[in-house]
Protein backbone atom coordinates (compact mmCIF):
# COMPACT_ATOMS: atom_id res chain seq x y z
CA MET A 1 -0.03 -0.10 -0.08
CA ASP A 2 1.37 3.37 -0.81
CA VAL A 3 0.76 6.68 1.05
CA THR A 4 -2.11 7.79 -1.15
CA GLN A 5 -4.10 4.73 -0.49
CA ILE A 6 -3.59 4.97 3.19
CA ILE A 7 -4.74 8.70 3.14
CA CYS A 8 -7.75 7.78 0.88
CA THR A 9 -8.64 5.00 3.46
CA ALA A 10 -8.34 7.22 6.35
CA VAL A 11 -10.34 10.02 4.88
CA THR A 12 -13.07 7.68 3.81
CA ALA A 13 -13.09 6.18 7.52
CA ILE A 14 -13.39 9.72 8.95
CA ALA A 15 -16.05 10.61 6.54
CA ALA A 16 -18.06 7.49 7.45
CA ILE A 17 -17.89 8.32 11.17
CA ILE A 18 -18.92 11.81 10.57
CA VAL A 19 -22.00 10.68 8.61
CA ALA A 20 -22.77 8.33 11.36
CA ILE A 21 -22.68 11.15 13.83
CA ILE A 22 -24.84 13.41 11.88
CA GLY A 23 -27.31 10.70 11.14
CA ARG A 24 -27.68 10.02 14.80
CA GLN A 25 -28.23 13.80 15.54
CA ILE A 26 -30.88 13.86 12.67
CA THR A 27 -32.58 10.80 14.14
CA LYS A 28 -32.65 12.34 17.66
CA SER A 29 -33.76 15.66 16.54
CA ASN A 30 -36.59 14.06 14.35
CA LYS A 31 -37.82 12.02 17.51
CA GLU A 32 -37.75 15.10 19.54
CA MET A 33 -39.88 16.94 16.89
CA GLU A 34 -42.32 14.02 16.75
CA LEU A 35 -42.73 14.28 20.64
CA ARG A 36 -43.22 18.10 20.51
CA ASN A 37 -45.85 17.47 17.72
CA GLU A 38 -47.63 14.75 19.55
CA ARG A 39 -47.75 17.04 22.79
CA ARG A 40 -49.17 19.92 20.92
CA LYS A 41 -51.91 17.74 19.17
CA GLN A 42 -52.60 16.26 22.60
CA GLU A 43 -52.93 19.74 24.09
CA SER A 44 -55.20 21.08 21.32
CA ILE A 45 -57.60 18.14 21.91
CA LEU A 46 -57.38 19.12 25.50
CA SER A 47 -57.91 22.60 24.75
CA ILE A 48 -61.14 22.02 22.64
CA GLU A 49 -62.52 19.70 25.35
CA MET A 50 -62.01 22.65 27.95
CA MET A 51 -63.48 25.30 25.68
CA CYS A 52 -66.53 22.99 24.99
CA ALA A 53 -67.07 22.60 28.64
CA THR A 54 -66.91 26.31 29.18
CA MET A 55 -69.39 26.83 26.40
CA GLU A 56 -71.72 24.43 27.99
CA LEU A 57 -71.39 25.89 31.39
CA ALA A 58 -72.03 29.47 29.94
CA VAL A 59 -75.22 28.27 28.05
CA VAL A 60 -76.77 26.56 31.02
CA SER A 61 -75.66 29.54 33.39
CA ALA A 62 -77.53 31.66 31.16
CA ASN A 63 -80.72 29.40 30.89
CA ALA A 64 -80.56 29.39 34.81
CA LEU A 65 -80.18 33.11 35.11
CA THR A 66 -83.17 33.68 32.72
CA GLY A 67 -85.32 31.26 34.51
CA GLY A 68 -84.83 28.13 32.45
CA HIS A 69 -83.50 26.28 35.45
CA ASN A 70 -81.67 23.44 33.65
CA ASN A 71 -80.50 21.61 36.65
CA GLY A 72 -79.55 18.40 35.05
CA ASN A 73 -77.73 20.28 32.41
CA VAL A 74 -75.87 22.31 34.92
CA GLU A 75 -74.63 19.18 36.65
CA GLU A 76 -73.59 17.57 33.33
CA ALA A 77 -71.65 20.67 32.17
CA ARG A 78 -70.36 20.94 35.78
CA GLN A 79 -68.98 17.46 35.54
CA ARG A 80 -67.61 17.83 32.12
CA ALA A 81 -65.72 21.00 33.14
CA ILE A 82 -64.21 18.94 36.07
CA LYS A 83 -63.27 16.22 33.89
CA ALA A 84 -61.44 18.62 31.24
CA LYS A 85 -59.59 20.34 34.03
CA LYS A 86 -58.26 17.07 35.61
CA LEU A 87 -57.42 15.84 32.09
CA TYR A 88 -55.45 19.05 31.26
CA TYR A 89 -53.77 18.92 34.73
CA GLU A 90 -52.70 15.31 34.11
CA PHE A 91 -51.29 16.25 30.69
CA GLU A 92 -49.33 19.16 32.29
CA ARG A 93 -47.85 16.74 35.02
CA ARG A 94 -46.86 14.15 32.19
CA VAL A 95 -45.21 16.72 29.95
CA LEU A 96 -43.30 18.28 32.95
CA SER A 97 -42.15 14.56 34.08
CA GLU A 98 -41.11 13.83 30.61
CA GLU A 99 -39.12 16.98 30.17
CA LEU A 100 -37.45 16.32 33.61
CA ASN A 101 -36.48 12.92 32.46
CA GLU A 102 -34.94 14.03 29.23
């Protein structure tokens, strides 16, 4: 083997190592991006649930104030709001826990 072949082999080996390192970084970045996107999706779903619960509470509160007295509806709306609040707090705790463990 002459010096040129040794240099070419060394350059090829170094390039392969660099490509492997870059590949791992890209894979890691892609996984982190997927996790962030999944969290955004979950948060959006929970946010919609909370908005729906708030809307129901507003409607039944308005009915009650105007004399409609929808007691069953008020309780359903109250329970939905409680559920949405619980789900959102669970989501926040899960995200915080995942971020602390990264």
